[in-house]
Amino acid sequence: MILIWCEQEGFRECIEKKFPSIKVYYQEQKPGCDVFYTNDTNGDYFPDRYFLDSYNDWYYWQTIEDAAKHISGIVGHEVELTVEAIDDALEDYQQEHEDDDLFYSFHEFKVVDD
């Protein structure tokens, strides 16, 4: 058993400080708070970079091309390969359908170096 006591640091930082040979990789997502981060720069452990929170499911993609293809199928027309274009297409689609249960929120995981 290993006991690690950390007062001012986060869990990941504490482990990395106590055991310098260990690198802790993470993917953090809090859809309600618009928090989408990963420190896995190469995508070795967390390869997904795009996320769609919808009224009935969650979807993950590694590439913007795959995400745009899926979103194009939802909105019924081809969507450009940018996060902004996907956001706009989903927002327009939701406004056109005015269904209280219809919900889409698209996000890109920001890669952080820490």
Protein backbone atom coordinates (compact mmCIF):
# COMPACT_ATOMS: atom_id res chain seq x y z
CA MET A 1 0.00 0.00 0.00
CA ILE A 2 1.21 3.49 -0.84
CA LEU A 3 -0.03 6.42 1.19
CA ILE A 4 0.40 9.85 -0.33
CA TRP A 5 -0.41 13.00 1.61
CA CYS A 6 -1.01 16.13 -0.44
CA GLU A 7 -2.24 19.35 1.10
CA GLN A 8 -2.14 22.06 -1.54
CA GLU A 9 -1.82 20.09 -4.74
CA GLY A 10 -4.24 18.19 -6.90
CA PHE A 11 -4.13 14.41 -6.92
CA ARG A 12 -2.37 14.14 -10.30
CA GLU A 13 0.24 16.75 -9.45
CA CYS A 14 0.87 15.13 -6.09
CA ILE A 15 1.49 11.70 -7.64
CA GLU A 16 3.81 13.16 -10.26
CA LYS A 17 5.74 15.06 -7.58
CA LYS A 18 6.12 12.04 -5.29
CA PHE A 19 6.94 9.70 -8.18
CA PRO A 20 8.79 11.70 -10.86
CA SER A 21 8.99 8.73 -13.23
CA ILE A 22 5.18 8.55 -13.44
CA LYS A 23 3.15 10.68 -15.85
CA VAL A 24 -0.59 10.76 -15.20
CA TYR A 25 -2.71 11.30 -18.31
CA TYR A 26 -6.27 12.54 -18.09
CA GLN A 27 -9.27 13.64 -20.05
CA GLU A 28 -11.55 16.00 -18.17
CA GLN A 29 -15.09 16.75 -19.23
CA LYS A 30 -17.80 18.67 -17.45
CA PRO A 31 -20.44 19.39 -20.10
CA GLY A 32 -22.48 21.76 -17.92
CA CYS A 33 -19.39 23.85 -17.16
CA ASP A 34 -17.93 23.83 -20.70
CA VAL A 35 -14.78 22.07 -19.46
CA PHE A 36 -13.12 19.75 -21.99
CA TYR A 37 -9.38 19.15 -21.50
CA THR A 38 -6.76 16.47 -21.92
CA ASN A 39 -3.03 16.42 -21.33
CA ASP A 40 -2.59 13.44 -23.67
CA THR A 41 -0.94 15.40 -26.48
CA ASN A 42 -0.33 12.34 -28.66
CA GLY A 43 -3.74 10.78 -28.09
CA ASP A 44 -2.16 7.56 -26.83
CA TYR A 45 -4.65 7.04 -23.99
CA PHE A 46 -7.38 9.55 -24.79
CA PRO A 47 -7.54 9.78 -28.58
CA ASP A 48 -10.96 11.42 -28.81
CA ARG A 49 -10.78 15.15 -29.51
CA TYR A 50 -14.44 15.98 -30.26
CA PHE A 51 -17.57 15.41 -28.24
CA LEU A 52 -21.30 15.80 -28.89
CA ASP A 53 -23.72 15.94 -26.01
CA SER A 54 -27.14 15.28 -27.44
CA TYR A 55 -30.62 14.86 -26.05
CA ASN A 56 -30.33 11.08 -26.28
CA ASP A 57 -26.63 10.12 -26.19
CA TRP A 58 -22.97 11.15 -26.10
CA TYR A 59 -20.71 10.78 -29.12
CA TYR A 60 -16.92 10.95 -29.38
CA TRP A 61 -14.63 11.31 -32.40
CA GLN A 62 -10.91 11.42 -32.98
CA THR A 63 -11.13 13.66 -36.06
CA ILE A 64 -13.12 16.72 -37.07
CA GLU A 65 -13.88 14.92 -40.36
CA ASP A 66 -15.70 12.11 -38.55
CA ALA A 67 -17.55 14.57 -36.34
CA ALA A 68 -18.64 16.73 -39.29
CA LYS A 69 -19.83 13.65 -41.19
CA HIS A 70 -22.04 12.61 -38.28
CA ILE A 71 -23.35 16.16 -37.75
CA SER A 72 -24.06 16.46 -41.48
CA GLY A 73 -26.30 13.41 -41.13
CA ILE A 74 -28.20 15.08 -38.31
CA VAL A 75 -28.72 18.47 -39.94
CA GLY A 76 -29.29 17.15 -43.47
CA HIS A 77 -26.53 19.02 -45.29
CA GLU A 78 -22.76 19.00 -45.51
CA VAL A 79 -21.05 20.84 -42.67
CA GLU A 80 -17.64 22.50 -42.95
CA LEU A 81 -14.74 20.97 -41.05
CA THR A 82 -14.53 23.53 -38.25
CA VAL A 83 -15.86 23.57 -34.71
CA GLU A 84 -17.57 26.90 -35.39
CA ALA A 85 -19.34 25.58 -38.50
CA ILE A 86 -20.54 22.51 -36.62
CA ASP A 87 -21.79 24.67 -33.73
CA ASP A 88 -23.63 26.95 -36.15
CA ALA A 89 -25.21 24.04 -38.03
CA LEU A 90 -26.45 22.44 -34.83
CA GLU A 91 -27.77 25.74 -33.49
CA ASP A 92 -29.66 26.42 -36.74
CA TYR A 93 -31.06 22.89 -36.73
CA GLN A 94 -32.31 23.24 -33.16
CA GLN A 95 -33.95 26.60 -33.93
CA GLU A 96 -35.64 25.20 -37.04
CA HIS A 97 -37.15 22.31 -35.12
CA GLU A 98 -38.12 24.14 -31.91
CA ASP A 99 -38.47 20.92 -29.94
CA ASP A 100 -37.94 21.33 -26.20
CA ASP A 101 -36.41 17.86 -25.98
CA LEU A 102 -33.98 18.45 -28.86
CA PHE A 103 -30.52 19.36 -27.57
CA TYR A 104 -27.05 19.34 -29.10
CA SER A 105 -23.84 20.70 -27.66
CA PHE A 106 -20.58 20.16 -29.57
CA HIS A 107 -17.14 20.51 -27.98
CA GLU A 108 -13.47 20.12 -28.76
CA PHE A 109 -11.11 18.76 -26.12
CA LYS A 110 -8.40 21.35 -25.59
CA VAL A 111 -4.95 19.80 -25.29
CA VAL A 112 -3.09 21.31 -22.37
CA ASP A 113 0.56 20.93 -21.54
CA ASP A 114 0.86 20.36 -17.80
